Amino acid sequence: MGANAYGSESLGIRGKPVKPGKKDIAIQCKISGRQLEELQKHTWQMCEAFGLDTKIDNYKGVKPISFYSWDLDCLLDVLDMTLNDAKEYPDKQDEGYIQLHKLYVSLKHDYKETYEN
């Protein structure tokens, strides 16, 4: 089996690869520097999201990365849980927390603009 954009193939009910439909809209954004470093620390929480963890782990921050609505659903949930975890980020003034929060706000805004209008 070949790999898809996520780094591995997602299989549907009949064992065939699941692909985005013609009407599925992807959001493209560039994530780099500290934001990317912080995001990649938490990809293990996305392990059941059809390769989203691998896609983010392999991302280098050079070109824009594409996310579909289902990717962002998972990503925003993981970021929300992580940012509200006092054990993960006890200091809300920490640069890692600040950068991850900025990414969360930006992705949430893009999600609302694209999928809720």
Protein backbone atom coordinates (compact mmCIF):
# COMPACT_ATOMS: atom_id res chain seq x y z
CA MET A 1 0.00 0.00 0.00
CA GLY A 2 1.16 3.52 -0.73
CA ALA A 3 1.31 6.45 1.62
CA ASN A 4 -1.02 9.42 1.46
CA ALA A 5 -0.38 13.01 2.50
CA TYR A 6 -0.57 11.91 6.12
CA GLY A 7 2.34 9.52 5.80
CA SER A 8 0.18 6.40 5.97
CA GLU A 9 -2.99 5.25 4.30
CA SER A 10 -6.31 5.50 6.10
CA LEU A 11 -8.65 2.69 5.27
CA GLY A 12 -12.40 2.95 5.00
CA ILE A 13 -15.08 0.37 5.70
CA ARG A 14 -14.19 -1.82 2.72
CA GLY A 15 -10.45 -1.58 3.20
CA LYS A 16 -10.02 1.05 0.49
CA PRO A 17 -8.13 4.31 1.09
CA VAL A 18 -10.22 7.22 2.33
CA LYS A 19 -9.61 10.42 0.39
CA PRO A 20 -11.02 13.92 0.70
CA GLY A 21 -13.99 14.60 -1.55
CA LYS A 22 -14.26 17.29 -4.20
CA LYS A 23 -16.11 19.61 -1.83
CA ASP A 24 -13.74 19.15 1.12
CA ILE A 25 -11.81 22.34 1.76
CA ALA A 26 -8.28 22.34 3.17
CA ILE A 27 -6.83 25.18 5.19
CA GLN A 28 -3.19 25.90 4.44
CA CYS A 29 -0.91 27.53 6.96
CA LYS A 30 2.78 27.74 7.69
CA ILE A 31 3.90 26.72 11.15
CA SER A 32 7.53 27.15 12.09
CA GLY A 33 9.96 27.93 14.88
CA ARG A 34 8.82 27.57 18.47
CA GLN A 35 5.19 27.01 17.45
CA LEU A 36 6.17 23.96 15.42
CA GLU A 37 8.46 22.66 18.18
CA GLU A 38 5.70 22.91 20.76
CA LEU A 39 3.10 21.36 18.45
CA GLN A 40 5.35 18.41 17.66
CA LYS A 41 5.73 17.68 21.39
CA HIS A 42 2.04 16.81 21.51
CA THR A 43 1.50 14.78 18.35
CA TRP A 44 1.42 11.55 20.38
CA GLN A 45 -2.07 12.64 21.47
CA MET A 46 -3.18 12.52 17.81
CA CYS A 47 -2.20 8.90 17.19
CA GLU A 48 -5.73 7.80 16.25
CA ALA A 49 -6.35 10.65 13.79
CA PHE A 50 -5.53 8.82 10.53
CA GLY A 51 -1.88 9.81 10.34
CA LEU A 52 -2.18 13.41 11.53
CA ASP A 53 0.54 12.75 14.10
CA THR A 54 2.95 11.51 11.43
CA LYS A 55 2.08 14.36 9.11
CA ILE A 56 2.94 16.94 11.78
CA ASP A 57 6.01 15.05 13.00
CA ASN A 58 7.40 14.96 9.45
CA TYR A 59 6.56 18.62 8.74
CA LYS A 60 9.61 20.88 8.57
CA GLY A 61 7.89 24.29 8.48
CA VAL A 62 9.27 25.26 5.06
CA LYS A 63 6.09 25.04 2.97
CA PRO A 64 2.49 25.50 4.07
CA ILE A 65 0.79 22.45 5.57
CA SER A 66 -2.81 21.54 4.71
CA PHE A 67 -5.46 20.56 7.21
CA TYR A 68 -9.02 19.44 6.51
CA SER A 69 -11.88 20.05 8.93
CA TRP A 70 -11.44 16.62 10.57
CA ASP A 71 -7.72 17.31 11.07
CA LEU A 72 -8.49 20.62 12.73
CA ASP A 73 -11.17 19.05 14.93
CA CYS A 74 -8.53 16.76 16.39
CA LEU A 75 -5.77 19.36 16.44
CA LEU A 76 -7.88 22.01 18.19
CA ASP A 77 -9.08 19.49 20.79
CA VAL A 78 -5.53 18.38 21.55
CA LEU A 79 -4.28 21.96 21.80
CA ASP A 80 -7.20 22.94 24.04
CA MET A 81 -6.54 20.03 26.42
CA THR A 82 -2.79 20.68 26.39
CA LEU A 83 -3.04 24.41 27.01
CA ASN A 84 -5.44 23.83 29.92
CA ASP A 85 -3.24 21.16 31.52
CA ALA A 86 -1.51 22.75 34.52
CA LYS A 87 1.02 19.92 34.61
CA GLU A 88 2.00 20.50 30.97
CA TYR A 89 2.21 24.29 31.16
CA PRO A 90 2.22 25.42 34.79
CA ASP A 91 3.60 28.85 33.79
CA LYS A 92 1.26 30.66 31.40
CA GLN A 93 4.04 33.19 30.77
CA ASP A 94 6.33 30.48 29.38
CA GLU A 95 7.32 31.17 25.76
CA GLY A 96 6.27 27.67 24.70
CA TYR A 97 2.79 28.17 26.13
CA ILE A 98 2.48 31.61 24.53
CA GLN A 99 3.48 30.35 21.08
CA LEU A 100 1.23 27.29 21.25
CA HIS A 101 -1.68 29.48 22.39
CA LYS A 102 -1.09 31.86 19.45
CA LEU A 103 -1.18 28.87 17.09
CA TYR A 104 -4.40 27.62 18.71
CA VAL A 105 -6.10 31.01 18.34
CA SER A 106 -4.99 31.31 14.71
CA LEU A 107 -6.15 27.79 13.75
CA LYS A 108 -9.46 28.26 15.57
CA HIS A 109 -10.04 31.54 13.70
CA ASP A 110 -9.25 29.89 10.35
CA TYR A 111 -11.55 26.99 11.22
CA LYS A 112 -14.47 29.29 12.02
CA GLU A 113 -13.90 31.42 8.92
CA THR A 114 -13.74 28.41 6.62
CA TYR A 115 -16.20 25.90 8.02
CA GLU A 116 -18.73 27.83 10.09
CA ASN A 117 -19.73 30.51 7.57
